[in-house]
N, C-alpha and C. Protein backbone atom coordinates (compact mmCIF):
# COMPACT_ATOMS: atom_id res chain seq x y z
N MET A 1 -7.51 17.79 28.43
CA MET A 1 -6.84 16.66 27.79
C MET A 1 -6.84 16.88 26.27
N LYS A 2 -5.67 16.67 25.67
CA LYS A 2 -5.54 16.86 24.23
C LYS A 2 -6.29 15.78 23.46
N LYS A 3 -6.89 16.22 22.37
CA LYS A 3 -7.59 15.28 21.51
C LYS A 3 -6.57 14.45 20.71
N LEU A 4 -6.71 13.13 20.79
CA LEU A 4 -5.79 12.26 20.06
C LEU A 4 -6.16 12.24 18.58
N LYS A 5 -5.14 12.26 17.73
CA LYS A 5 -5.37 12.20 16.29
C LYS A 5 -5.69 10.76 15.88
N LEU A 6 -6.43 10.65 14.80
CA LEU A 6 -6.80 9.34 14.26
C LEU A 6 -5.57 8.51 13.93
N LEU A 7 -4.56 9.13 13.32
CA LEU A 7 -3.36 8.40 12.94
C LEU A 7 -2.65 7.83 14.17
N LYS A 8 -2.55 8.61 15.23
CA LYS A 8 -1.89 8.13 16.45
C LYS A 8 -2.64 6.95 17.05
N ILE A 9 -3.95 7.05 17.09
CA ILE A 9 -4.77 5.96 17.64
C ILE A 9 -4.63 4.71 16.78
N LEU A 10 -4.74 4.88 15.46
CA LEU A 10 -4.61 3.74 14.55
C LEU A 10 -3.24 3.09 14.68
N SER A 11 -2.20 3.90 14.69
CA SER A 11 -0.84 3.36 14.80
C SER A 11 -0.66 2.58 16.09
N LEU A 12 -1.14 3.12 17.19
CA LEU A 12 -1.02 2.43 18.47
C LEU A 12 -1.76 1.09 18.44
N LEU A 13 -2.98 1.10 17.92
CA LEU A 13 -3.75 -0.15 17.81
C LEU A 13 -3.05 -1.17 16.91
N LEU A 14 -2.45 -0.68 15.84
CA LEU A 14 -1.73 -1.58 14.94
C LEU A 14 -0.50 -2.17 15.61
N TYR A 15 0.25 -1.34 16.34
CA TYR A 15 1.41 -1.87 17.07
C TYR A 15 0.98 -2.99 18.02
N ILE A 16 -0.08 -2.74 18.77
CA ILE A 16 -0.58 -3.74 19.72
C ILE A 16 -1.00 -5.02 18.97
N PHE A 17 -1.76 -4.84 17.88
CA PHE A 17 -2.23 -5.99 17.11
C PHE A 17 -1.06 -6.77 16.52
N TYR A 18 -0.06 -6.06 16.00
CA TYR A 18 1.10 -6.74 15.40
C TYR A 18 1.90 -7.51 16.44
N VAL A 19 2.08 -6.92 17.62
CA VAL A 19 2.83 -7.62 18.68
C VAL A 19 2.09 -8.90 19.08
N PHE A 20 0.77 -8.78 19.29
CA PHE A 20 -0.01 -9.99 19.62
C PHE A 20 0.02 -11.00 18.48
N SER A 21 0.04 -10.52 17.25
CA SER A 21 0.10 -11.41 16.09
C SER A 21 1.43 -12.15 16.05
N VAL A 22 2.52 -11.45 16.34
CA VAL A 22 3.84 -12.11 16.38
C VAL A 22 3.82 -13.21 17.42
N ILE A 23 3.32 -12.89 18.61
CA ILE A 23 3.27 -13.88 19.70
C ILE A 23 2.38 -15.06 19.31
N PHE A 24 1.21 -14.77 18.74
CA PHE A 24 0.28 -15.82 18.34
C PHE A 24 0.89 -16.72 17.26
N MET A 25 1.54 -16.11 16.27
CA MET A 25 2.13 -16.90 15.18
C MET A 25 3.27 -17.78 15.70
N ILE A 26 4.03 -17.27 16.66
CA ILE A 26 5.07 -18.10 17.28
C ILE A 26 4.43 -19.24 18.06
N TYR A 27 3.36 -18.93 18.78
CA TYR A 27 2.66 -19.94 19.58
C TYR A 27 2.14 -21.09 18.71
N ILE A 28 1.61 -20.75 17.52
CA ILE A 28 1.09 -21.81 16.63
C ILE A 28 2.17 -22.33 15.68
N LYS A 29 3.41 -21.92 15.92
CA LYS A 29 4.58 -22.39 15.17
C LYS A 29 4.54 -22.01 13.69
N LYS A 30 4.02 -20.83 13.40
CA LYS A 30 4.04 -20.28 12.04
C LYS A 30 5.09 -19.15 12.04
N TYR A 31 6.35 -19.55 12.09
CA TYR A 31 7.43 -18.60 12.26
C TYR A 31 7.58 -17.65 11.07
N ASN A 32 7.28 -18.15 9.86
CA ASN A 32 7.36 -17.28 8.70
C ASN A 32 6.33 -16.15 8.79
N TYR A 33 5.13 -16.45 9.29
CA TYR A 33 4.11 -15.41 9.45
C TYR A 33 4.44 -14.48 10.62
N SER A 34 5.10 -15.01 11.64
CA SER A 34 5.51 -14.13 12.75
C SER A 34 6.55 -13.12 12.25
N ALA A 35 7.40 -13.55 11.34
CA ALA A 35 8.40 -12.63 10.76
C ALA A 35 7.71 -11.53 9.95
N ILE A 36 6.67 -11.89 9.22
CA ILE A 36 5.93 -10.89 8.45
C ILE A 36 5.27 -9.89 9.40
N CYS A 37 4.65 -10.39 10.47
CA CYS A 37 4.00 -9.50 11.44
C CYS A 37 5.02 -8.59 12.11
N ALA A 38 6.19 -9.12 12.42
CA ALA A 38 7.26 -8.30 13.00
C ALA A 38 7.72 -7.24 12.00
N GLY A 39 7.80 -7.63 10.75
CA GLY A 39 8.16 -6.67 9.71
C GLY A 39 7.15 -5.53 9.61
N CYS A 40 5.90 -5.84 9.87
CA CYS A 40 4.85 -4.81 9.82
C CYS A 40 5.01 -3.80 10.95
N ILE A 41 5.56 -4.23 12.06
CA ILE A 41 5.86 -3.29 13.15
C ILE A 41 6.89 -2.28 12.65
N VAL A 42 7.91 -2.78 11.96
CA VAL A 42 8.96 -1.91 11.42
C VAL A 42 8.38 -0.98 10.35
N ILE A 43 7.55 -1.51 9.47
CA ILE A 43 6.93 -0.70 8.41
C ILE A 43 6.09 0.41 9.04
N ASN A 44 5.30 0.06 10.04
CA ASN A 44 4.46 1.04 10.73
C ASN A 44 5.31 2.16 11.33
N PHE A 45 6.40 1.76 11.97
CA PHE A 45 7.31 2.74 12.58
C PHE A 45 7.91 3.66 11.52
N ILE A 46 8.38 3.07 10.42
CA ILE A 46 9.00 3.85 9.34
C ILE A 46 8.00 4.82 8.73
N LEU A 47 6.77 4.37 8.48
CA LEU A 47 5.75 5.25 7.90
C LEU A 47 5.49 6.46 8.81
N ASN A 48 5.39 6.23 10.11
CA ASN A 48 5.16 7.33 11.04
C ASN A 48 6.37 8.26 11.12
N LEU A 49 7.56 7.70 11.08
CA LEU A 49 8.77 8.51 11.10
C LEU A 49 8.86 9.37 9.84
N LEU A 50 8.61 8.77 8.69
CA LEU A 50 8.63 9.53 7.43
C LEU A 50 7.57 10.63 7.42
N ASN A 51 6.42 10.33 7.98
CA ASN A 51 5.34 11.32 8.04
C ASN A 51 5.75 12.54 8.87
N LYS A 52 6.49 12.31 9.95
CA LYS A 52 6.95 13.41 10.80
C LYS A 52 8.09 14.18 10.16
N LYS A 53 9.00 13.45 9.51
CA LYS A 53 10.21 14.07 8.95
C LYS A 53 9.95 14.75 7.61
N PHE A 54 9.11 14.16 6.78
CA PHE A 54 8.86 14.68 5.43
C PHE A 54 7.40 15.10 5.28
N THR A 55 7.01 16.13 5.99
CA THR A 55 5.61 16.57 5.98
C THR A 55 5.16 17.05 4.61
N TYR A 56 6.10 17.51 3.80
CA TYR A 56 5.75 17.96 2.45
C TYR A 56 5.44 16.79 1.52
N LEU A 57 5.89 15.60 1.87
CA LEU A 57 5.68 14.43 1.03
C LEU A 57 4.54 13.55 1.54
N PHE A 58 4.44 13.44 2.86
CA PHE A 58 3.43 12.59 3.49
C PHE A 58 2.40 13.46 4.18
N ASN A 59 1.23 12.91 4.36
CA ASN A 59 0.24 13.51 5.23
C ASN A 59 -0.46 12.37 5.96
N ASP A 60 -1.21 12.73 7.01
CA ASP A 60 -1.83 11.70 7.83
C ASP A 60 -2.74 10.78 7.01
N ALA A 61 -3.48 11.34 6.07
CA ALA A 61 -4.42 10.54 5.27
C ALA A 61 -3.67 9.48 4.46
N LEU A 62 -2.55 9.87 3.84
CA LEU A 62 -1.78 8.91 3.05
C LEU A 62 -1.19 7.83 3.94
N VAL A 63 -0.67 8.22 5.10
CA VAL A 63 -0.07 7.24 6.01
C VAL A 63 -1.14 6.28 6.53
N ILE A 64 -2.33 6.79 6.83
CA ILE A 64 -3.43 5.92 7.25
C ILE A 64 -3.75 4.91 6.15
N LEU A 65 -3.85 5.38 4.90
CA LEU A 65 -4.10 4.48 3.77
C LEU A 65 -3.02 3.40 3.67
N LEU A 66 -1.77 3.81 3.78
CA LEU A 66 -0.67 2.85 3.66
C LEU A 66 -0.66 1.87 4.82
N GLU A 67 -0.90 2.36 6.04
CA GLU A 67 -0.93 1.46 7.20
C GLU A 67 -2.07 0.44 7.07
N LEU A 68 -3.23 0.89 6.61
CA LEU A 68 -4.35 -0.04 6.44
C LEU A 68 -4.06 -1.04 5.32
N PHE A 69 -3.40 -0.56 4.27
CA PHE A 69 -3.06 -1.47 3.18
C PHE A 69 -2.10 -2.55 3.65
N VAL A 70 -1.11 -2.17 4.44
CA VAL A 70 -0.16 -3.15 5.00
C VAL A 70 -0.91 -4.13 5.90
N LEU A 71 -1.81 -3.63 6.74
CA LEU A 71 -2.59 -4.49 7.62
C LEU A 71 -3.39 -5.51 6.82
N PHE A 72 -4.15 -5.03 5.83
CA PHE A 72 -5.03 -5.93 5.09
C PHE A 72 -4.28 -6.86 4.15
N SER A 73 -3.14 -6.42 3.63
CA SER A 73 -2.42 -7.29 2.69
C SER A 73 -1.48 -8.27 3.40
N LEU A 74 -0.58 -7.75 4.20
CA LEU A 74 0.45 -8.62 4.79
C LEU A 74 -0.03 -9.40 6.00
N VAL A 75 -0.76 -8.75 6.90
CA VAL A 75 -1.13 -9.44 8.14
C VAL A 75 -2.44 -10.21 7.96
N LEU A 76 -3.52 -9.49 7.67
CA LEU A 76 -4.81 -10.18 7.54
C LEU A 76 -4.85 -11.07 6.30
N GLY A 77 -4.26 -10.60 5.21
CA GLY A 77 -4.28 -11.37 3.98
C GLY A 77 -3.36 -12.58 4.00
N THR A 78 -2.09 -12.33 4.30
CA THR A 78 -1.10 -13.41 4.26
C THR A 78 -1.09 -14.23 5.54
N SER A 79 -0.91 -13.58 6.67
CA SER A 79 -0.73 -14.32 7.92
C SER A 79 -2.01 -14.96 8.44
N TYR A 80 -3.14 -14.30 8.24
CA TYR A 80 -4.40 -14.83 8.76
C TYR A 80 -5.31 -15.43 7.68
N GLY A 81 -4.80 -15.57 6.46
CA GLY A 81 -5.54 -16.30 5.44
C GLY A 81 -6.63 -15.52 4.72
N GLY A 82 -6.59 -14.21 4.76
CA GLY A 82 -7.61 -13.41 4.08
C GLY A 82 -7.66 -13.63 2.59
N TYR A 83 -6.52 -13.99 2.02
CA TYR A 83 -6.48 -14.20 0.57
C TYR A 83 -7.30 -15.41 0.13
N LYS A 84 -7.74 -16.22 1.06
CA LYS A 84 -8.60 -17.35 0.72
C LYS A 84 -10.02 -16.90 0.42
N ILE A 85 -10.37 -15.68 0.82
CA ILE A 85 -11.70 -15.11 0.55
C ILE A 85 -11.74 -14.68 -0.91
N ASN A 86 -12.80 -15.06 -1.61
CA ASN A 86 -12.94 -14.70 -3.03
C ASN A 86 -12.82 -13.19 -3.22
N HIS A 87 -11.99 -12.79 -4.15
CA HIS A 87 -11.81 -11.41 -4.61
C HIS A 87 -11.17 -10.49 -3.56
N TYR A 88 -10.73 -11.04 -2.44
CA TYR A 88 -10.01 -10.24 -1.43
C TYR A 88 -8.78 -9.60 -2.08
N ASP A 89 -8.04 -10.41 -2.81
CA ASP A 89 -6.83 -9.97 -3.49
C ASP A 89 -7.15 -8.91 -4.54
N ASP A 90 -8.24 -9.08 -5.26
CA ASP A 90 -8.63 -8.12 -6.30
C ASP A 90 -8.89 -6.74 -5.70
N VAL A 91 -9.62 -6.70 -4.61
CA VAL A 91 -9.93 -5.43 -3.95
C VAL A 91 -8.64 -4.73 -3.51
N LEU A 92 -7.72 -5.49 -2.94
CA LEU A 92 -6.45 -4.89 -2.49
C LEU A 92 -5.63 -4.36 -3.65
N HIS A 93 -5.62 -5.07 -4.76
CA HIS A 93 -4.83 -4.60 -5.89
C HIS A 93 -5.48 -3.40 -6.58
N ILE A 94 -6.79 -3.32 -6.57
CA ILE A 94 -7.45 -2.11 -7.07
C ILE A 94 -7.09 -0.94 -6.16
N CYS A 95 -7.10 -1.17 -4.85
CA CYS A 95 -6.70 -0.13 -3.89
C CYS A 95 -5.25 0.28 -4.10
N SER A 96 -4.39 -0.67 -4.41
CA SER A 96 -2.98 -0.34 -4.65
C SER A 96 -2.84 0.56 -5.88
N GLY A 97 -3.68 0.35 -6.88
CA GLY A 97 -3.68 1.23 -8.05
C GLY A 97 -4.07 2.65 -7.68
N VAL A 98 -5.04 2.78 -6.80
CA VAL A 98 -5.47 4.10 -6.33
C VAL A 98 -4.34 4.74 -5.51
N ILE A 99 -3.75 3.98 -4.60
CA ILE A 99 -2.68 4.51 -3.75
C ILE A 99 -1.49 4.96 -4.61
N GLY A 100 -1.11 4.15 -5.58
CA GLY A 100 -0.01 4.53 -6.48
C GLY A 100 -0.32 5.81 -7.23
N SER A 101 -1.56 5.98 -7.64
CA SER A 101 -1.97 7.21 -8.33
C SER A 101 -1.90 8.42 -7.41
N VAL A 102 -2.32 8.25 -6.18
CA VAL A 102 -2.26 9.35 -5.21
C VAL A 102 -0.81 9.74 -4.95
N ILE A 103 0.07 8.77 -4.83
CA ILE A 103 1.50 9.08 -4.63
C ILE A 103 2.06 9.84 -5.83
N ALA A 104 1.68 9.43 -7.03
CA ALA A 104 2.13 10.15 -8.24
C ALA A 104 1.61 11.58 -8.23
N TYR A 105 0.38 11.77 -7.81
CA TYR A 105 -0.22 13.10 -7.71
C TYR A 105 0.58 13.96 -6.73
N ILE A 106 0.95 13.38 -5.59
CA ILE A 106 1.74 14.11 -4.59
C ILE A 106 3.10 14.51 -5.19
N ILE A 107 3.71 13.60 -5.93
CA ILE A 107 5.01 13.90 -6.55
C ILE A 107 4.87 15.05 -7.55
N ILE A 108 3.81 15.04 -8.35
CA ILE A 108 3.59 16.13 -9.30
C ILE A 108 3.46 17.46 -8.55
N ASN A 109 2.68 17.47 -7.47
CA ASN A 109 2.51 18.70 -6.71
C ASN A 109 3.80 19.15 -6.05
N LEU A 110 4.65 18.21 -5.67
CA LEU A 110 5.94 18.55 -5.07
C LEU A 110 6.91 19.15 -6.07
N CYS A 111 6.89 18.60 -7.26
CA CYS A 111 7.90 18.96 -8.26
C CYS A 111 7.49 20.11 -9.18
N THR A 112 6.26 20.54 -9.09
CA THR A 112 5.79 21.61 -9.96
C THR A 112 5.00 22.63 -9.14
N ASN A 113 4.87 23.83 -9.71
CA ASN A 113 3.97 24.82 -9.11
C ASN A 113 2.80 25.04 -10.05
N LYS A 114 1.87 25.86 -9.63
CA LYS A 114 0.64 26.04 -10.42
C LYS A 114 0.95 26.56 -11.82
N GLU A 115 1.91 27.47 -11.94
CA GLU A 115 2.26 28.04 -13.24
C GLU A 115 2.79 26.97 -14.19
N ILE A 116 3.65 26.10 -13.68
CA ILE A 116 4.20 25.01 -14.50
C ILE A 116 3.08 24.05 -14.92
N ARG A 117 2.21 23.71 -13.97
CA ARG A 117 1.12 22.77 -14.28
C ARG A 117 0.19 23.35 -15.34
N GLU A 118 0.01 24.67 -15.36
CA GLU A 118 -0.86 25.28 -16.37
C GLU A 118 -0.24 25.23 -17.76
N ASN A 119 1.10 25.18 -17.83
CA ASN A 119 1.79 25.18 -19.12
C ASN A 119 2.06 23.78 -19.67
N ILE A 120 1.78 22.77 -18.88
CA ILE A 120 1.99 21.39 -19.33
C ILE A 120 0.63 20.76 -19.61
N LYS A 121 0.56 20.05 -20.70
CA LYS A 121 -0.70 19.40 -21.08
C LYS A 121 -1.14 18.39 -20.02
N THR A 122 -2.43 18.36 -19.78
CA THR A 122 -3.01 17.45 -18.79
C THR A 122 -2.72 16.00 -19.15
N VAL A 123 -2.64 15.70 -20.43
CA VAL A 123 -2.39 14.32 -20.86
C VAL A 123 -1.05 13.82 -20.34
N PHE A 124 -0.04 14.70 -20.24
CA PHE A 124 1.26 14.29 -19.70
C PHE A 124 1.10 13.86 -18.24
N PHE A 125 0.38 14.65 -17.46
CA PHE A 125 0.17 14.29 -16.06
C PHE A 125 -0.61 12.98 -15.95
N GLY A 126 -1.58 12.81 -16.84
CA GLY A 126 -2.36 11.56 -16.85
C GLY A 126 -1.48 10.36 -17.13
N ILE A 127 -0.58 10.50 -18.11
CA ILE A 127 0.33 9.41 -18.44
C ILE A 127 1.27 9.14 -17.27
N PHE A 128 1.80 10.20 -16.66
CA PHE A 128 2.72 10.02 -15.54
C PHE A 128 2.02 9.31 -14.37
N ILE A 129 0.85 9.78 -14.01
CA ILE A 129 0.11 9.17 -12.89
C ILE A 129 -0.18 7.71 -13.18
N PHE A 130 -0.66 7.43 -14.38
CA PHE A 130 -1.00 6.06 -14.76
C PHE A 130 0.23 5.16 -14.73
N MET A 131 1.31 5.59 -15.38
CA MET A 131 2.52 4.76 -15.46
C MET A 131 3.16 4.57 -14.09
N PHE A 132 3.15 5.61 -13.26
CA PHE A 132 3.71 5.49 -11.93
C PHE A 132 2.93 4.46 -11.12
N SER A 133 1.62 4.53 -11.20
CA SER A 133 0.77 3.59 -10.47
C SER A 133 0.99 2.15 -10.95
N VAL A 134 1.09 1.97 -12.24
CA VAL A 134 1.34 0.63 -12.79
C VAL A 134 2.71 0.12 -12.33
N ALA A 135 3.70 1.01 -12.27
CA ALA A 135 5.03 0.61 -11.80
C ALA A 135 4.98 0.17 -10.34
N ILE A 136 4.21 0.87 -9.51
CA ILE A 136 4.06 0.49 -8.11
C ILE A 136 3.44 -0.91 -8.02
N GLY A 137 2.41 -1.15 -8.84
CA GLY A 137 1.77 -2.48 -8.87
C GLY A 137 2.75 -3.56 -9.28
N ASN A 138 3.60 -3.25 -10.23
CA ASN A 138 4.62 -4.20 -10.67
C ASN A 138 5.60 -4.49 -9.54
N LEU A 139 6.04 -3.46 -8.84
CA LEU A 139 6.95 -3.67 -7.71
C LEU A 139 6.29 -4.51 -6.62
N TRP A 140 4.99 -4.33 -6.43
CA TRP A 140 4.27 -5.13 -5.43
C TRP A 140 4.30 -6.61 -5.82
N GLU A 141 4.12 -6.89 -7.09
CA GLU A 141 4.16 -8.28 -7.55
C GLU A 141 5.56 -8.88 -7.34
N VAL A 142 6.59 -8.06 -7.53
CA VAL A 142 7.95 -8.51 -7.26
C VAL A 142 8.10 -8.81 -5.76
N LEU A 143 7.54 -7.95 -4.91
CA LEU A 143 7.58 -8.18 -3.47
C LEU A 143 6.90 -9.50 -3.11
N GLU A 144 5.73 -9.76 -3.68
CA GLU A 144 5.03 -11.03 -3.43
C GLU A 144 5.91 -12.21 -3.83
N PHE A 145 6.56 -12.10 -4.97
CA PHE A 145 7.44 -13.17 -5.46
C PHE A 145 8.59 -13.40 -4.47
N VAL A 146 9.21 -12.31 -3.99
CA VAL A 146 10.31 -12.41 -3.04
C VAL A 146 9.84 -13.01 -1.72
N LEU A 147 8.66 -12.58 -1.24
CA LEU A 147 8.12 -13.15 0.00
C LEU A 147 7.89 -14.65 -0.14
N ASP A 148 7.39 -15.06 -1.29
CA ASP A 148 7.19 -16.50 -1.54
C ASP A 148 8.51 -17.25 -1.48
N LEU A 149 9.55 -16.68 -2.06
CA LEU A 149 10.85 -17.34 -2.06
C LEU A 149 11.49 -17.36 -0.67
N MET A 150 11.45 -16.23 0.01
CA MET A 150 12.14 -16.12 1.30
C MET A 150 11.44 -16.84 2.43
N PHE A 151 10.11 -16.71 2.49
CA PHE A 151 9.37 -17.22 3.64
C PHE A 151 8.56 -18.47 3.34
N LYS A 152 8.69 -18.98 2.11
CA LYS A 152 7.98 -20.20 1.71
C LYS A 152 6.47 -20.08 1.96
N ILE A 153 5.93 -18.90 1.60
CA ILE A 153 4.49 -18.70 1.71
C ILE A 153 3.91 -18.74 0.30
N ASN A 154 2.65 -18.43 0.16
CA ASN A 154 2.00 -18.62 -1.12
C ASN A 154 1.23 -17.36 -1.55
N CYS A 155 1.92 -16.23 -1.66
CA CYS A 155 1.27 -14.99 -2.09
C CYS A 155 0.75 -15.10 -3.52
N GLN A 156 1.49 -15.79 -4.36
CA GLN A 156 1.12 -15.91 -5.76
C GLN A 156 0.58 -17.31 -6.03
N ALA A 157 -0.49 -17.62 -5.33
CA ALA A 157 -1.06 -18.96 -5.38
C ALA A 157 -1.43 -19.38 -6.80
N GLY A 158 -1.89 -18.43 -7.59
CA GLY A 158 -2.33 -18.76 -8.94
C GLY A 158 -1.24 -18.65 -9.98
N GLY A 159 0.00 -18.44 -9.55
CA GLY A 159 1.12 -18.35 -10.48
C GLY A 159 0.97 -17.17 -11.41
N LEU A 160 1.26 -17.39 -12.69
CA LEU A 160 1.25 -16.32 -13.69
C LEU A 160 -0.14 -15.70 -13.82
N ASN A 161 -1.19 -16.53 -13.80
CA ASN A 161 -2.55 -16.00 -13.90
C ASN A 161 -2.84 -15.03 -12.76
N ASP A 162 -2.45 -15.39 -11.54
CA ASP A 162 -2.67 -14.53 -10.39
C ASP A 162 -1.93 -13.21 -10.56
N THR A 163 -0.69 -13.28 -11.00
CA THR A 163 0.13 -12.08 -11.19
C THR A 163 -0.50 -11.16 -12.23
N MET A 164 -0.94 -11.72 -13.33
CA MET A 164 -1.52 -10.89 -14.40
C MET A 164 -2.85 -10.26 -13.96
N ILE A 165 -3.69 -11.02 -13.29
CA ILE A 165 -4.96 -10.46 -12.80
C ILE A 165 -4.69 -9.36 -11.78
N ASP A 166 -3.70 -9.56 -10.91
CA ASP A 166 -3.34 -8.53 -9.93
C ASP A 166 -2.89 -7.25 -10.63
N MET A 167 -2.11 -7.39 -11.69
CA MET A 167 -1.64 -6.22 -12.42
C MET A 167 -2.79 -5.52 -13.13
N ILE A 168 -3.72 -6.29 -13.66
CA ILE A 168 -4.91 -5.70 -14.29
C ILE A 168 -5.74 -4.96 -13.24
N ASP A 169 -5.87 -5.55 -12.05
CA ASP A 169 -6.61 -4.88 -10.97
C ASP A 169 -5.96 -3.54 -10.62
N GLY A 170 -4.63 -3.50 -10.57
CA GLY A 170 -3.92 -2.25 -10.30
C GLY A 170 -4.18 -1.22 -11.37
N ILE A 171 -4.23 -1.67 -12.62
CA ILE A 171 -4.54 -0.77 -13.73
C ILE A 171 -5.96 -0.21 -13.57
N ILE A 172 -6.89 -1.05 -13.17
CA ILE A 172 -8.27 -0.61 -12.95
C ILE A 172 -8.30 0.47 -11.86
N GLY A 173 -7.56 0.25 -10.76
CA GLY A 173 -7.49 1.25 -9.69
C GLY A 173 -6.93 2.57 -10.18
N ALA A 174 -5.90 2.50 -11.02
CA ALA A 174 -5.30 3.72 -11.57
C ALA A 174 -6.30 4.44 -12.47
N ILE A 175 -7.01 3.70 -13.30
CA ILE A 175 -7.98 4.30 -14.21
C ILE A 175 -9.13 4.94 -13.43
N ILE A 176 -9.57 4.28 -12.36
CA ILE A 176 -10.66 4.83 -11.54
C ILE A 176 -10.25 6.15 -10.91
N SER A 177 -9.03 6.23 -10.40
CA SER A 177 -8.60 7.43 -9.68
C SER A 177 -8.15 8.55 -10.60
N LEU A 178 -7.75 8.22 -11.80
CA LEU A 178 -7.17 9.22 -12.71
C LEU A 178 -8.04 10.45 -12.94
N PRO A 179 -9.31 10.32 -13.30
CA PRO A 179 -10.12 11.52 -13.54
C PRO A 179 -10.21 12.44 -12.31
N PHE A 180 -10.31 11.87 -11.12
CA PHE A 180 -10.42 12.67 -9.91
C PHE A 180 -9.13 13.45 -9.65
N LEU A 181 -7.99 12.78 -9.84
CA LEU A 181 -6.71 13.42 -9.57
C LEU A 181 -6.40 14.48 -10.62
N LEU A 182 -6.72 14.21 -11.88
CA LEU A 182 -6.47 15.20 -12.94
C LEU A 182 -7.35 16.42 -12.73
N ARG A 183 -8.55 16.24 -12.27
CA ARG A 183 -9.44 17.38 -11.98
C ARG A 183 -8.86 18.24 -10.86
N LYS A 184 -8.25 17.58 -9.85
CA LYS A 184 -7.66 18.32 -8.73
C LYS A 184 -6.42 19.11 -9.17
N LEU A 185 -5.70 18.60 -10.18
CA LEU A 185 -4.52 19.33 -10.66
C LEU A 185 -4.93 20.63 -11.31
């Protein structure tokens, strides 16, 4: 019998959990949250498809990180009320800063070879990784705003203060990951 990969097992468990979540949210008449859970099924599918099609861009570890981030932010955080736990949101936004930095690192490795990286100052790569990660955090805040408008939920419960703290958390995540990623380059 073939050994199952961690990503396949995780994806299957997430599909099952999301389907049950959709059914549960419909049962308790939280249709907006059922739509979010259904959207997570689509996101999970797309991430796995992209991982198979674009192996040079994705790897199992990155897809696992992204799938877990979607689980903890959209389903457990939004649909099941995880954001009511103190600093739950902060931890996720710090993680998003790390994830954004890792994606920037992958882009650098895709677009350059070792010879090019040796001829470019490390500070440029540091600036690129940092700014890319901050941009991802900014896009996430836009997504939260859109979700609030479309589904009448409360992702940005604290308004402007919440948005700014979330962006600072993303910056902290980028700063934490930066030395490790620059060393790997």
